[in-house]
Amino acid sequence: MDGETVQAIAAERALELPGSVLTHPFGDEADVYKVHGKMFALLTYVHGEPVVNLKARPEDSYALREAYADITPGWHMNKKHWISLHGGGSLDEEFVRDLVTESYLLVVAGLPKRDRPVDPDTFGQG
């Protein structure tokens, strides 16, 4: 799938997640999805190419970059904790949706329990 489609899928999934809010703190050229004020997804363009930045566990970040040509270290982010998704064909819709959800849950897990819109350990089960 192309980069525009990757962004569209990521945006759709981000808005489905409880407490997710679309913001534009960097201007209209970047869509930033936050939960309780913390970013979990950045959709922007890098040198004209659509890119989706997502949070990832460091061990997962490395493994994903090794396994998928369309996943690179997070553009303009901490390379250990963020990944960038690109168009190109190695990612499918369900996988993109899963990566967005995982990014969201990582951020939610870091929130104080009183501020969590969901339980990150059980969200999506059952």
PDB file of N, CA and C in Angstrom:
ATOM      1  N   MET A   1       0.836  -1.180   0.000  1.00  0.00           N
ATOM      2  CA  MET A   1       0.000   0.000   0.000  1.00  0.00           C
ATOM      3  C   MET A   1       0.876   1.237   0.000  1.00  0.00           C
ATOM      4  N   ASP A   2       0.345   2.327  -0.505  1.00  0.00           N
ATOM      5  CA  ASP A   2       1.136   3.552  -0.571  1.00  0.00           C
ATOM      6  C   ASP A   2       1.088   4.295   0.767  1.00  0.00           C
ATOM      7  N   GLY A   3       1.926   5.323   0.889  1.00  0.00           N
ATOM      8  CA  GLY A   3       2.045   6.066   2.135  1.00  0.00           C
ATOM      9  C   GLY A   3       0.776   6.797   2.534  1.00  0.00           C
ATOM     10  N   GLU A   4       0.030   7.296   1.553  1.00  0.00           N
ATOM     11  CA  GLU A   4      -1.241   7.971   1.852  1.00  0.00           C
ATOM     12  C   GLU A   4      -2.215   6.999   2.512  1.00  0.00           C
ATOM     13  N   THR A   5      -2.244   5.767   2.014  1.00  0.00           N
ATOM     14  CA  THR A   5      -3.131   4.756   2.581  1.00  0.00           C
ATOM     15  C   THR A   5      -2.687   4.379   3.989  1.00  0.00           C
ATOM     16  N   VAL A   6      -1.382   4.251   4.199  1.00  0.00           N
ATOM     17  CA  VAL A   6      -0.865   3.963   5.542  1.00  0.00           C
ATOM     18  C   VAL A   6      -1.315   5.060   6.498  1.00  0.00           C
ATOM     19  N   GLN A   7      -1.193   6.324   6.083  1.00  0.00           N
ATOM     20  CA  GLN A   7      -1.633   7.425   6.929  1.00  0.00           C
ATOM     21  C   GLN A   7      -3.135   7.382   7.194  1.00  0.00           C
ATOM     22  N   ALA A   8      -3.918   7.101   6.174  1.00  0.00           N
ATOM     23  CA  ALA A   8      -5.372   7.069   6.337  1.00  0.00           C
ATOM     24  C   ALA A   8      -5.790   5.975   7.329  1.00  0.00           C
ATOM     25  N   ILE A   9      -5.181   4.811   7.222  1.00  0.00           N
ATOM     26  CA  ILE A   9      -5.487   3.710   8.145  1.00  0.00           C
ATOM     27  C   ILE A   9      -5.069   4.084   9.566  1.00  0.00           C
ATOM     28  N   ALA A  10      -3.882   4.664   9.707  1.00  0.00           N
ATOM     29  CA  ALA A  10      -3.396   5.058  11.028  1.00  0.00           C
ATOM     30  C   ALA A  10      -4.301   6.118  11.647  1.00  0.00           C
ATOM     31  N   ALA A  11      -4.722   7.091  10.865  1.00  0.00           N
ATOM     32  CA  ALA A  11      -5.594   8.151  11.369  1.00  0.00           C
ATOM     33  C   ALA A  11      -6.942   7.587  11.805  1.00  0.00           C
ATOM     34  N   GLU A  12      -7.497   6.711  10.987  1.00  0.00           N
ATOM     35  CA  GLU A  12      -8.789   6.104  11.325  1.00  0.00           C
ATOM     36  C   GLU A  12      -8.694   5.335  12.641  1.00  0.00           C
ATOM     37  N   ARG A  13      -7.649   4.521  12.784  1.00  0.00           N
ATOM     38  CA  ARG A  13      -7.492   3.737  14.011  1.00  0.00           C
ATOM     39  C   ARG A  13      -7.252   4.637  15.214  1.00  0.00           C
ATOM     40  N   ALA A  14      -6.411   5.655  15.047  1.00  0.00           N
ATOM     41  CA  ALA A  14      -6.111   6.553  16.163  1.00  0.00           C
ATOM     42  C   ALA A  14      -7.387   7.191  16.713  1.00  0.00           C
ATOM     43  N   LEU A  15      -8.279   7.609  15.827  1.00  0.00           N
ATOM     44  CA  LEU A  15      -9.512   8.262  16.271  1.00  0.00           C
ATOM     45  C   LEU A  15     -10.501   7.294  16.911  1.00  0.00           C
ATOM     46  N   GLU A  16     -10.352   6.013  16.662  1.00  0.00           N
ATOM     47  CA  GLU A  16     -11.233   5.009  17.280  1.00  0.00           C
ATOM     48  C   GLU A  16     -10.871   4.736  18.740  1.00  0.00           C
ATOM     49  N   LEU A  17      -9.667   5.081  19.135  1.00  0.00           N
ATOM     50  CA  LEU A  17      -9.172   4.710  20.460  1.00  0.00           C
ATOM     51  C   LEU A  17      -9.710   5.650  21.534  1.00  0.00           C
ATOM     52  N   PRO A  18     -10.133   5.108  22.676  1.00  0.00           N
ATOM     53  CA  PRO A  18     -10.735   5.922  23.741  1.00  0.00           C
ATOM     54  C   PRO A  18      -9.809   7.044  24.212  1.00  0.00           C
ATOM     55  N   GLY A  19     -10.351   8.254  24.267  1.00  0.00           N
ATOM     56  CA  GLY A  19      -9.600   9.398  24.753  1.00  0.00           C
ATOM     57  C   GLY A  19      -8.632  10.006  23.754  1.00  0.00           C
ATOM     58  N   SER A  20      -8.591   9.487  22.538  1.00  0.00           N
ATOM     59  CA  SER A  20      -7.676  10.013  21.514  1.00  0.00           C
ATOM     60  C   SER A  20      -8.174  11.361  21.011  1.00  0.00           C
ATOM     61  N   VAL A  21      -7.226  12.287  20.852  1.00  0.00           N
ATOM     62  CA  VAL A  21      -7.546  13.624  20.381  1.00  0.00           C
ATOM     63  C   VAL A  21      -6.565  13.993  19.267  1.00  0.00           C
ATOM     64  N   LEU A  22      -7.092  14.531  18.179  1.00  0.00           N
ATOM     65  CA  LEU A  22      -6.262  15.025  17.077  1.00  0.00           C
ATOM     66  C   LEU A  22      -5.875  16.464  17.377  1.00  0.00           C
ATOM     67  N   THR A  23      -4.564  16.743  17.325  1.00  0.00           N
ATOM     68  CA  THR A  23      -4.056  18.089  17.578  1.00  0.00           C
ATOM     69  C   THR A  23      -3.103  18.486  16.451  1.00  0.00           C
ATOM     70  N   HIS A  24      -2.744  19.752  16.426  1.00  0.00           N
ATOM     71  CA  HIS A  24      -1.809  20.279  15.418  1.00  0.00           C
ATOM     72  C   HIS A  24      -0.788  21.207  16.077  1.00  0.00           C
ATOM     73  N   PRO A  25      -0.013  20.714  17.042  1.00  0.00           N
ATOM     74  CA  PRO A  25       0.938  21.578  17.744  1.00  0.00           C
ATOM     75  C   PRO A  25       2.114  22.040  16.873  1.00  0.00           C
ATOM     76  N   PHE A  26       2.350  21.361  15.766  1.00  0.00           N
ATOM     77  CA  PHE A  26       3.464  21.710  14.878  1.00  0.00           C
ATOM     78  C   PHE A  26       2.983  22.385  13.601  1.00  0.00           C
ATOM     79  N   GLY A  27       1.719  22.779  13.554  1.00  0.00           N
ATOM     80  CA  GLY A  27       1.137  23.394  12.371  1.00  0.00           C
ATOM     81  C   GLY A  27       0.257  22.409  11.618  1.00  0.00           C
ATOM     82  N   ASP A  28      -0.401  22.921  10.596  1.00  0.00           N
ATOM     83  CA  ASP A  28      -1.367  22.125   9.833  1.00  0.00           C
ATOM     84  C   ASP A  28      -0.747  20.969   9.072  1.00  0.00           C
ATOM     85  N   GLU A  29       0.572  21.000   8.869  1.00  0.00           N
ATOM     86  CA  GLU A  29       1.228  19.957   8.078  1.00  0.00           C
ATOM     87  C   GLU A  29       1.456  18.671   8.855  1.00  0.00           C
ATOM     88  N   ALA A  30       1.150  18.660  10.145  1.00  0.00           N
ATOM     89  CA  ALA A  30       1.376  17.457  10.952  1.00  0.00           C
ATOM     90  C   ALA A  30       0.173  17.189  11.841  1.00  0.00           C
ATOM     91  N   ASP A  31      -0.396  15.994  11.696  1.00  0.00           N
ATOM     92  CA  ASP A  31      -1.473  15.546  12.576  1.00  0.00           C
ATOM     93  C   ASP A  31      -0.853  14.789  13.745  1.00  0.00           C
ATOM     94  N   VAL A  32      -1.135  15.242  14.952  1.00  0.00           N
ATOM     95  CA  VAL A  32      -0.601  14.608  16.153  1.00  0.00           C
ATOM     96  C   VAL A  32      -1.774  14.063  16.960  1.00  0.00           C
ATOM     97  N   TYR A  33      -1.738  12.771  17.225  1.00  0.00           N
ATOM     98  CA  TYR A  33      -2.769  12.120  18.022  1.00  0.00           C
ATOM     99  C   TYR A  33      -2.232  11.927  19.425  1.00  0.00           C
ATOM    100  N   LYS A  34      -3.035  12.386  20.402  1.00  0.00           N
ATOM    101  CA  LYS A  34      -2.623  12.332  21.794  1.00  0.00           C
ATOM    102  C   LYS A  34      -3.691  11.647  22.631  1.00  0.00           C
ATOM    103  N   VAL A  35      -3.240  11.091  23.746  1.00  0.00           N
ATOM    104  CA  VAL A  35      -4.142  10.593  24.766  1.00  0.00           C
ATOM    105  C   VAL A  35      -3.706  11.247  26.070  1.00  0.00           C
ATOM    106  N   HIS A  36      -4.624  11.915  26.689  1.00  0.00           N
ATOM    107  CA  HIS A  36      -4.374  12.663  27.920  1.00  0.00           C
ATOM    108  C   HIS A  36      -3.138  13.549  27.806  1.00  0.00           C
ATOM    109  N   GLY A  37      -3.015  14.228  26.652  1.00  0.00           N
ATOM    110  CA  GLY A  37      -1.942  15.178  26.429  1.00  0.00           C
ATOM    111  C   GLY A  37      -0.608  14.595  25.988  1.00  0.00           C
ATOM    112  N   LYS A  38      -0.530  13.274  25.840  1.00  0.00           N
ATOM    113  CA  LYS A  38       0.724  12.614  25.449  1.00  0.00           C
ATOM    114  C   LYS A  38       0.591  12.061  24.027  1.00  0.00           C
ATOM    115  N   MET A  39       1.570  12.367  23.191  1.00  0.00           N
ATOM    116  CA  MET A  39       1.545  11.941  21.798  1.00  0.00           C
ATOM    117  C   MET A  39       1.777  10.435  21.653  1.00  0.00           C
ATOM    118  N   PHE A  40       0.960   9.795  20.799  1.00  0.00           N
ATOM    119  CA  PHE A  40       1.200   8.396  20.444  1.00  0.00           C
ATOM    120  C   PHE A  40       1.311   8.189  18.940  1.00  0.00           C
ATOM    121  N   ALA A  41       0.970   9.198  18.152  1.00  0.00           N
ATOM    122  CA  ALA A  41       1.103   9.072  16.695  1.00  0.00           C
ATOM    123  C   ALA A  41       1.306  10.456  16.075  1.00  0.00           C
ATOM    124  N   LEU A  42       2.209  10.499  15.100  1.00  0.00           N
ATOM    125  CA  LEU A  42       2.471  11.711  14.332  1.00  0.00           C
ATOM    126  C   LEU A  42       2.382  11.352  12.860  1.00  0.00           C
ATOM    127  N   LEU A  43       1.481  12.016  12.139  1.00  0.00           N
ATOM    128  CA  LEU A  43       1.335  11.806  10.702  1.00  0.00           C
ATOM    129  C   LEU A  43       1.799  13.079  10.010  1.00  0.00           C
ATOM    130  N   THR A  44       2.822  12.955   9.173  1.00  0.00           N
ATOM    131  CA  THR A  44       3.387  14.127   8.519  1.00  0.00           C
ATOM    132  C   THR A  44       3.994  13.720   7.183  1.00  0.00           C
ATOM    133  N   TYR A  45       4.701  14.647   6.570  1.00  0.00           N
ATOM    134  CA  TYR A  45       5.395  14.390   5.309  1.00  0.00           C
ATOM    135  C   TYR A  45       6.874  14.708   5.503  1.00  0.00           C
ATOM    136  N   VAL A  46       7.710  13.814   5.031  1.00  0.00           N
ATOM    137  CA  VAL A  46       9.159  13.999   5.089  1.00  0.00           C
ATOM    138  C   VAL A  46       9.662  13.995   3.649  1.00  0.00           C
ATOM    139  N   HIS A  47      10.179  15.123   3.208  1.00  0.00           N
ATOM    140  CA  HIS A  47      10.641  15.265   1.817  1.00  0.00           C
ATOM    141  C   HIS A  47       9.542  14.846   0.842  1.00  0.00           C
ATOM    142  N   GLY A  48       8.289  15.236   1.146  1.00  0.00           N
ATOM    143  CA  GLY A  48       7.145  14.942   0.295  1.00  0.00           C
ATOM    144  C   GLY A  48       6.556  13.554   0.460  1.00  0.00           C
ATOM    145  N   GLU A  49       7.172  12.725   1.276  1.00  0.00           N
ATOM    146  CA  GLU A  49       6.688  11.359   1.478  1.00  0.00           C
ATOM    147  C   GLU A  49       5.825  11.280   2.742  1.00  0.00           C
ATOM    148  N   PRO A  50       4.624  10.675   2.652  1.00  0.00           N
ATOM    149  CA  PRO A  50       3.805  10.502   3.850  1.00  0.00           C
ATOM    150  C   PRO A  50       4.455   9.518   4.818  1.00  0.00           C
ATOM    151  N   VAL A  51       4.493   9.900   6.097  1.00  0.00           N
ATOM    152  CA  VAL A  51       5.133   9.094   7.127  1.00  0.00           C
ATOM    153  C   VAL A  51       4.231   9.062   8.356  1.00  0.00           C
ATOM    154  N   VAL A  52       4.227   7.925   9.046  1.00  0.00           N
ATOM    155  CA  VAL A  52       3.520   7.776  10.317  1.00  0.00           C
ATOM    156  C   VAL A  52       4.552   7.402  11.372  1.00  0.00           C
ATOM    157  N   ASN A  53       4.695   8.229  12.408  1.00  0.00           N
ATOM    158  CA  ASN A  53       5.583   7.925  13.530  1.00  0.00           C
ATOM    159  C   ASN A  53       4.747   7.352  14.678  1.00  0.00           C
ATOM    160  N   LEU A  54       5.232   6.246  15.234  1.00  0.00           N
ATOM    161  CA  LEU A  54       4.552   5.581  16.341  1.00  0.00           C
ATOM    162  C   LEU A  54       5.549   5.190  17.414  1.00  0.00           C
ATOM    163  N   LYS A  55       5.084   5.164  18.642  1.00  0.00           N
ATOM    164  CA  LYS A  55       5.909   4.704  19.753  1.00  0.00           C
ATOM    165  C   LYS A  55       5.982   3.179  19.694  1.00  0.00           C
ATOM    166  N   ALA A  56       7.131   2.630  20.117  1.00  0.00           N
ATOM    167  CA  ALA A  56       7.314   1.173  20.144  1.00  0.00           C
ATOM    168  C   ALA A  56       8.266   0.824  21.285  1.00  0.00           C
ATOM    169  N   ARG A  57       8.115  -0.366  21.813  1.00  0.00           N
ATOM    170  CA  ARG A  57       9.090  -0.839  22.799  1.00  0.00           C
ATOM    171  C   ARG A  57      10.441  -0.934  22.101  1.00  0.00           C
ATOM    172  N   PRO A  58      11.547  -0.586  22.794  1.00  0.00           N
ATOM    173  CA  PRO A  58      12.855  -0.617  22.136  1.00  0.00           C
ATOM    174  C   PRO A  58      13.172  -1.950  21.461  1.00  0.00           C
ATOM    175  N   GLU A  59      12.886  -3.065  22.125  1.00  0.00           N
ATOM    176  CA  GLU A  59      13.182  -4.368  21.520  1.00  0.00           C
ATOM    177  C   GLU A  59      12.304  -4.635  20.301  1.00  0.00           C
ATOM    178  N   ASP A  60      11.061  -4.161  20.338  1.00  0.00           N
ATOM    179  CA  ASP A  60      10.170  -4.317  19.189  1.00  0.00           C
ATOM    180  C   ASP A  60      10.589  -3.396  18.051  1.00  0.00           C
ATOM    181  N   SER A  61      11.003  -2.195  18.402  1.00  0.00           N
ATOM    182  CA  SER A  61      11.426  -1.225  17.397  1.00  0.00           C
ATOM    183  C   SER A  61      12.536  -1.802  16.516  1.00  0.00           C
ATOM    184  N   TYR A  62      13.526  -2.366  17.152  1.00  0.00           N
ATOM    185  CA  TYR A  62      14.645  -2.961  16.412  1.00  0.00           C
ATOM    186  C   TYR A  62      14.165  -4.128  15.542  1.00  0.00           C
ATOM    187  N   ALA A  63      13.382  -5.023  16.128  1.00  0.00           N
ATOM    188  CA  ALA A  63      12.901  -6.203  15.394  1.00  0.00           C
ATOM    189  C   ALA A  63      12.028  -5.805  14.207  1.00  0.00           C
ATOM    190  N   LEU A  64      11.185  -4.802  14.386  1.00  0.00           N
ATOM    191  CA  LEU A  64      10.320  -4.346  13.290  1.00  0.00           C
ATOM    192  C   LEU A  64      11.134  -3.748  12.149  1.00  0.00           C
ATOM    193  N   ARG A  65      12.146  -2.970  12.497  1.00  0.00           N
ATOM    194  CA  ARG A  65      12.996  -2.369  11.448  1.00  0.00           C
ATOM    195  C   ARG A  65      13.753  -3.440  10.672  1.00  0.00           C
ATOM    196  N   GLU A  66      14.153  -4.491  11.357  1.00  0.00           N
ATOM    197  CA  GLU A  66      14.861  -5.586  10.697  1.00  0.00           C
ATOM    198  C   GLU A  66      13.936  -6.405   9.794  1.00  0.00           C
ATOM    199  N   ALA A  67      12.681  -6.543  10.209  1.00  0.00           N
ATOM    200  CA  ALA A  67      11.747  -7.418   9.503  1.00  0.00           C
ATOM    201  C   ALA A  67      11.001  -6.747   8.347  1.00  0.00           C
ATOM    202  N   TYR A  68      10.846  -5.422   8.399  1.00  0.00           N
ATOM    203  CA  TYR A  68      10.017  -4.733   7.406  1.00  0.00           C
ATOM    204  C   TYR A  68      10.783  -3.584   6.760  1.00  0.00           C
ATOM    205  N   ALA A  69      10.864  -3.623   5.447  1.00  0.00           N
ATOM    206  CA  ALA A  69      11.555  -2.570   4.703  1.00  0.00           C
ATOM    207  C   ALA A  69      10.872  -1.212   4.856  1.00  0.00           C
ATOM    208  N   ASP A  70       9.573  -1.215   5.144  1.00  0.00           N
ATOM    209  CA  ASP A  70       8.801   0.022   5.237  1.00  0.00           C
ATOM    210  C   ASP A  70       8.717   0.571   6.659  1.00  0.00           C
ATOM    211  N   ILE A  71       9.532   0.038   7.570  1.00  0.00           N
ATOM    212  CA  ILE A  71       9.621   0.570   8.928  1.00  0.00           C
ATOM    213  C   ILE A  71      11.066   0.984   9.172  1.00  0.00           C
ATOM    214  N   THR A  72      11.228   2.247   9.557  1.00  0.00           N
ATOM    215  CA  THR A  72      12.554   2.812   9.807  1.00  0.00           C
ATOM    216  C   THR A  72      12.574   3.447  11.201  1.00  0.00           C
ATOM    217  N   PRO A  73      13.755   3.837  11.678  1.00  0.00           N
ATOM    218  CA  PRO A  73      13.792   4.558  12.960  1.00  0.00           C
ATOM    219  C   PRO A  73      12.904   5.804  12.888  1.00  0.00           C
ATOM    220  N   GLY A  74      12.293   6.160  13.986  1.00  0.00           N
ATOM    221  CA  GLY A  74      11.370   7.290  14.012  1.00  0.00           C
ATOM    222  C   GLY A  74      11.988   8.583  13.518  1.00  0.00           C
ATOM    223  N   TRP A  75      11.406   9.153  12.479  1.00  0.00           N
ATOM    224  CA  TRP A  75      11.905  10.395  11.911  1.00  0.00           C
ATOM    225  C   TRP A  75      11.770  11.514  12.940  1.00  0.00           C
ATOM    226  N   HIS A  76      12.863  12.186  13.200  1.00  0.00           N
ATOM    227  CA  HIS A  76      12.907  13.350  14.082  1.00  0.00           C
ATOM    228  C   HIS A  76      12.479  13.012  15.520  1.00  0.00           C
ATOM    229  N   MET A  77      12.630  11.733  15.901  1.00  0.00           N
ATOM    230  CA  MET A  77      12.221  11.267  17.227  1.00  0.00           C
ATOM    231  C   MET A  77      13.351  10.432  17.830  1.00  0.00           C
ATOM    232  N   ASN A  78      13.179  10.016  19.067  1.00  0.00           N
ATOM    233  CA  ASN A  78      14.115   9.102  19.706  1.00  0.00           C
ATOM    234  C   ASN A  78      14.082   7.786  18.933  1.00  0.00           C
ATOM    235  N   LYS A  79      15.194   7.418  18.320  1.00  0.00           N
ATOM    236  CA  LYS A  79      15.244   6.242  17.434  1.00  0.00           C
ATOM    237  C   LYS A  79      15.048   4.931  18.177  1.00  0.00           C
ATOM    238  N   LYS A  80      15.245   4.949  19.475  1.00  0.00           N
ATOM    239  CA  LYS A  80      15.087   3.740  20.273  1.00  0.00           C
ATOM    240  C   LYS A  80      13.616   3.461  20.581  1.00  0.00           C
ATOM    241  N   HIS A  81      12.827   4.521  20.713  1.00  0.00           N
ATOM    242  CA  HIS A  81      11.445   4.385  21.179  1.00  0.00           C
ATOM    243  C   HIS A  81      10.393   4.697  20.117  1.00  0.00           C
ATOM    244  N   TRP A  82      10.812   5.127  18.943  1.00  0.00           N
ATOM    245  CA  TRP A  82       9.850   5.496  17.905  1.00  0.00           C
ATOM    246  C   TRP A  82      10.236   4.861  16.575  1.00  0.00           C
ATOM    247  N   ILE A  83       9.211   4.524  15.797  1.00  0.00           N
ATOM    248  CA  ILE A  83       9.401   3.995  14.451  1.00  0.00           C
ATOM    249  C   ILE A  83       8.627   4.857  13.458  1.00  0.00           C
ATOM    250  N   SER A  84       9.037   4.818  12.213  1.00  0.00           N
ATOM    251  CA  SER A  84       8.316   5.480  11.127  1.00  0.00           C
ATOM    252  C   SER A  84       7.821   4.419  10.160  1.00  0.00           C
ATOM    253  N   LEU A  85       6.556   4.543   9.785  1.00  0.00           N
ATOM    254  CA  LEU A  85       5.954   3.661   8.778  1.00  0.00           C
ATOM    255  C   LEU A  85       5.900   4.408   7.461  1.00  0.00           C
ATOM    256  N   HIS A  86       6.266   3.712   6.393  1.00  0.00           N
ATOM    257  CA  HIS A  86       6.272   4.279   5.043  1.00  0.00           C
ATOM    258  C   HIS A  86       5.426   3.386   4.140  1.00  0.00           C
ATOM    259  N   GLY A  87       4.993   3.939   3.034  1.00  0.00           N
ATOM    260  CA  GLY A  87       4.331   3.125   2.023  1.00  0.00           C
ATOM    261  C   GLY A  87       5.368   2.289   1.289  1.00  0.00           C
ATOM    262  N   GLY A  88       4.908   1.249   0.621  1.00  0.00           N
ATOM    263  CA  GLY A  88       5.844   0.454  -0.151  1.00  0.00           C
ATOM    264  C   GLY A  88       5.393  -0.971  -0.370  1.00  0.00           C
ATOM    265  N   GLY A  89       4.530  -1.469   0.489  1.00  0.00           N
ATOM    266  CA  GLY A  89       3.997  -2.790   0.221  1.00  0.00           C
ATOM    267  C   GLY A  89       4.257  -3.850   1.255  1.00  0.00           C
ATOM    268  N   SER A  90       5.147  -3.610   2.222  1.00  0.00           N
ATOM    269  CA  SER A  90       5.415  -4.679   3.192  1.00  0.00           C
ATOM    270  C   SER A  90       4.469  -4.632   4.393  1.00  0.00           C
ATOM    271  N   LEU A  91       3.626  -3.597   4.485  1.00  0.00           N
ATOM    272  CA  LEU A  91       2.696  -3.462   5.606  1.00  0.00           C
ATOM    273  C   LEU A  91       1.268  -3.658   5.112  1.00  0.00           C
ATOM    274  N   ASP A  92       0.463  -4.362   5.904  1.00  0.00           N
ATOM    275  CA  ASP A  92      -0.947  -4.484   5.542  1.00  0.00           C
ATOM    276  C   ASP A  92      -1.809  -3.719   6.547  1.00  0.00           C
ATOM    277  N   GLU A  93      -3.076  -3.571   6.225  1.00  0.00           N
ATOM    278  CA  GLU A  93      -3.980  -2.738   7.018  1.00  0.00           C
ATOM    279  C   GLU A  93      -4.050  -3.179   8.479  1.00  0.00           C
ATOM    280  N   GLU A  94      -4.257  -4.440   8.721  1.00  0.00           N
ATOM    281  CA  GLU A  94      -4.404  -4.919  10.096  1.00  0.00           C
ATOM    282  C   GLU A  94      -3.126  -4.687  10.900  1.00  0.00           C
ATOM    283  N   PHE A  95      -1.982  -4.862  10.275  1.00  0.00           N
ATOM    284  CA  PHE A  95      -0.713  -4.645  10.955  1.00  0.00           C
ATOM    285  C   PHE A  95      -0.544  -3.172  11.333  1.00  0.00           C
ATOM    286  N   VAL A  96      -0.882  -2.262  10.424  1.00  0.00           N
ATOM    287  CA  VAL A  96      -0.803  -0.829  10.717  1.00  0.00           C
ATOM    288  C   VAL A  96      -1.724  -0.497  11.891  1.00  0.00           C
ATOM    289  N   ARG A  97      -2.949  -1.025  11.854  1.00  0.00           N
ATOM    290  CA  ARG A  97      -3.896  -0.788  12.954  1.00  0.00           C
ATOM    291  C   ARG A  97      -3.331  -1.321  14.275  1.00  0.00           C
ATOM    292  N   ASP A  98      -2.729  -2.489  14.243  1.00  0.00           N
ATOM    293  CA  ASP A  98      -2.130  -3.070  15.458  1.00  0.00           C
ATOM    294  C   ASP A  98      -0.987  -2.211  15.985  1.00  0.00           C
ATOM    295  N   LEU A  99      -0.155  -1.686  15.099  1.00  0.00           N
ATOM    296  CA  LEU A  99       0.968  -0.847  15.526  1.00  0.00           C
ATOM    297  C   LEU A  99       0.480   0.459  16.156  1.00  0.00           C
ATOM    298  N   VAL A 100      -0.580   1.042  15.605  1.00  0.00           N
ATOM    299  CA  VAL A 100      -1.166   2.256  16.193  1.00  0.00           C
ATOM    300  C   VAL A 100      -1.712   1.943  17.584  1.00  0.00           C
ATOM    301  N   THR A 101      -2.417   0.822  17.699  1.00  0.00           N
ATOM    302  CA  THR A 101      -2.969   0.434  18.994  1.00  0.00           C
ATOM    303  C   THR A 101      -1.860   0.200  20.012  1.00  0.00           C
ATOM    304  N   GLU A 102      -0.800  -0.461  19.610  1.00  0.00           N
ATOM    305  CA  GLU A 102       0.320  -0.724  20.520  1.00  0.00           C
ATOM    306  C   GLU A 102       0.968   0.585  20.972  1.00  0.00           C
ATOM    307  N   SER A 103       1.138   1.530  20.074  1.00  0.00           N
ATOM    308  CA  SER A 103       1.698   2.828  20.422  1.00  0.00           C
ATOM    309  C   SER A 103       0.822   3.517  21.470  1.00  0.00           C
ATOM    310  N   TYR A 104      -0.469   3.520  21.216  1.00  0.00           N
ATOM    311  CA  TYR A 104      -1.444   4.104  22.146  1.00  0.00           C
ATOM    312  C   TYR A 104      -1.349   3.452  23.522  1.00  0.00           C
ATOM    313  N   LEU A 105      -1.320   2.124  23.557  1.00  0.00           N
ATOM    314  CA  LEU A 105      -1.277   1.406  24.833  1.00  0.00           C
ATOM    315  C   LEU A 105       0.029   1.662  25.594  1.00  0.00           C
ATOM    316  N   LEU A 106       1.135   1.819  24.885  1.00  0.00           N
ATOM    317  CA  LEU A 106       2.395   2.159  25.549  1.00  0.00           C
ATOM    318  C   LEU A 106       2.292   3.516  26.243  1.00  0.00           C
ATOM    319  N   VAL A 107       1.670   4.470  25.581  1.00  0.00           N
ATOM    320  CA  VAL A 107       1.502   5.792  26.182  1.00  0.00           C
ATOM    321  C   VAL A 107       0.520   5.719  27.348  1.00  0.00           C
ATOM    322  N   VAL A 108      -0.590   5.030  27.169  1.00  0.00           N
ATOM    323  CA  VAL A 108      -1.576   4.893  28.249  1.00  0.00           C
ATOM    324  C   VAL A 108      -0.942   4.244  29.479  1.00  0.00           C
ATOM    325  N   ALA A 109      -0.106   3.234  29.274  1.00  0.00           N
ATOM    326  CA  ALA A 109       0.542   2.543  30.393  1.00  0.00           C
ATOM    327  C   ALA A 109       1.433   3.489  31.199  1.00  0.00           C
ATOM    328  N   GLY A 110       1.929   4.530  30.572  1.00  0.00           N
ATOM    329  CA  GLY A 110       2.781   5.485  31.261  1.00  0.00           C
ATOM    330  C   GLY A 110       2.023   6.586  31.992  1.00  0.00           C
ATOM    331  N   LEU A 111       0.716   6.622  31.812  1.00  0.00           N
ATOM    332  CA  LEU A 111      -0.109   7.620  32.496  1.00  0.00           C
ATOM    333  C   LEU A 111      -0.424   7.170  33.918  1.00  0.00           C
ATOM    334  N   PRO A 112      -0.674   8.113  34.819  1.00  0.00           N
ATOM    335  CA  PRO A 112      -1.169   7.710  36.138  1.00  0.00           C
ATOM    336  C   PRO A 112      -2.474   6.930  35.975  1.00  0.00           C
ATOM    337  N   LYS A 113      -2.695   5.944  36.811  1.00  0.00           N
ATOM    338  CA  LYS A 113      -3.882   5.080  36.670  1.00  0.00           C
ATOM    339  C   LYS A 113      -5.175   5.886  36.600  1.00  0.00           C
ATOM    340  N   ARG A 114      -5.264   6.955  37.349  1.00  0.00           N
ATOM    341  CA  ARG A 114      -6.499   7.753  37.366  1.00  0.00           C
ATOM    342  C   ARG A 114      -6.775   8.426  36.021  1.00  0.00           C
ATOM    343  N   ASP A 115      -5.722   8.593  35.192  1.00  0.00           N
ATOM    344  CA  ASP A 115      -5.869   9.281  33.912  1.00  0.00           C
ATOM    345  C   ASP A 115      -6.021   8.331  32.727  1.00  0.00           C
ATOM    346  N   ARG A 116      -5.922   7.048  32.963  1.00  0.00           N
ATOM    347  CA  ARG A 116      -5.983   6.081  31.855  1.00  0.00           C
ATOM    348  C   ARG A 116      -7.419   5.876  31.385  1.00  0.00           C
ATOM    349  N   PRO A 117      -7.676   6.084  30.087  1.00  0.00           N
ATOM    350  CA  PRO A 117      -9.031   5.845  29.574  1.00  0.00           C
ATOM    351  C   PRO A 117      -9.356   4.353  29.457  1.00  0.00           C
ATOM    352  N   VAL A 118      -8.323   3.503  29.436  1.00  0.00           N
ATOM    353  CA  VAL A 118      -8.492   2.050  29.365  1.00  0.00           C
ATOM    354  C   VAL A 118      -7.395   1.404  30.204  1.00  0.00           C
ATOM    355  N   ASP A 119      -7.586   0.145  30.522  1.00  0.00           N
ATOM    356  CA  ASP A 119      -6.543  -0.632  31.179  1.00  0.00           C
ATOM    357  C   ASP A 119      -5.639  -1.178  30.076  1.00  0.00           C
ATOM    358  N   PRO A 120      -4.388  -0.745  30.013  1.00  0.00           N
ATOM    359  CA  PRO A 120      -3.511  -1.175  28.922  1.00  0.00           C
ATOM    360  C   PRO A 120      -3.205  -2.679  28.929  1.00  0.00           C
ATOM    361  N   ASP A 121      -3.407  -3.331  30.059  1.00  0.00           N
ATOM    362  CA  ASP A 121      -3.141  -4.769  30.128  1.00  0.00           C
ATOM    363  C   ASP A 121      -4.284  -5.610  29.598  1.00  0.00           C
ATOM    364  N   THR A 122      -5.492  -5.037  29.544  1.00  0.00           N
ATOM    365  CA  THR A 122      -6.644  -5.838  29.111  1.00  0.00           C
ATOM    366  C   THR A 122      -7.380  -5.258  27.917  1.00  0.00           C
ATOM    367  N   PHE A 123      -7.010  -4.071  27.455  1.00  0.00           N
ATOM    368  CA  PHE A 123      -7.712  -3.431  26.340  1.00  0.00           C
ATOM    369  C   PHE A 123      -7.702  -4.344  25.116  1.00  0.00           C
ATOM    370  N   GLY A 124      -8.885  -4.520  24.519  1.00  0.00           N
ATOM    371  CA  GLY A 124      -9.000  -5.306  23.302  1.00  0.00           C
ATOM    372  C   GLY A 124      -9.155  -6.798  23.516  1.00  0.00           C
ATOM    373  N   GLN A 125      -9.121  -7.237  24.749  1.00  0.00           N
ATOM    374  CA  GLN A 125      -9.293  -8.670  25.031  1.00  0.00           C
ATOM    375  C   GLN A 125     -10.744  -8.925  25.391  1.00  0.00           C
ATOM    376  N   GLY A 126     -11.246 -10.056  24.924  1.00  0.00           N
ATOM    377  CA  GLY A 126     -12.607 -10.453  25.275  1.00  0.00           C
ATOM    378  C   GLY A 126     -13.588  -9.663  24.558  1.00  0.00           C
TER     379      GLY A 126
END
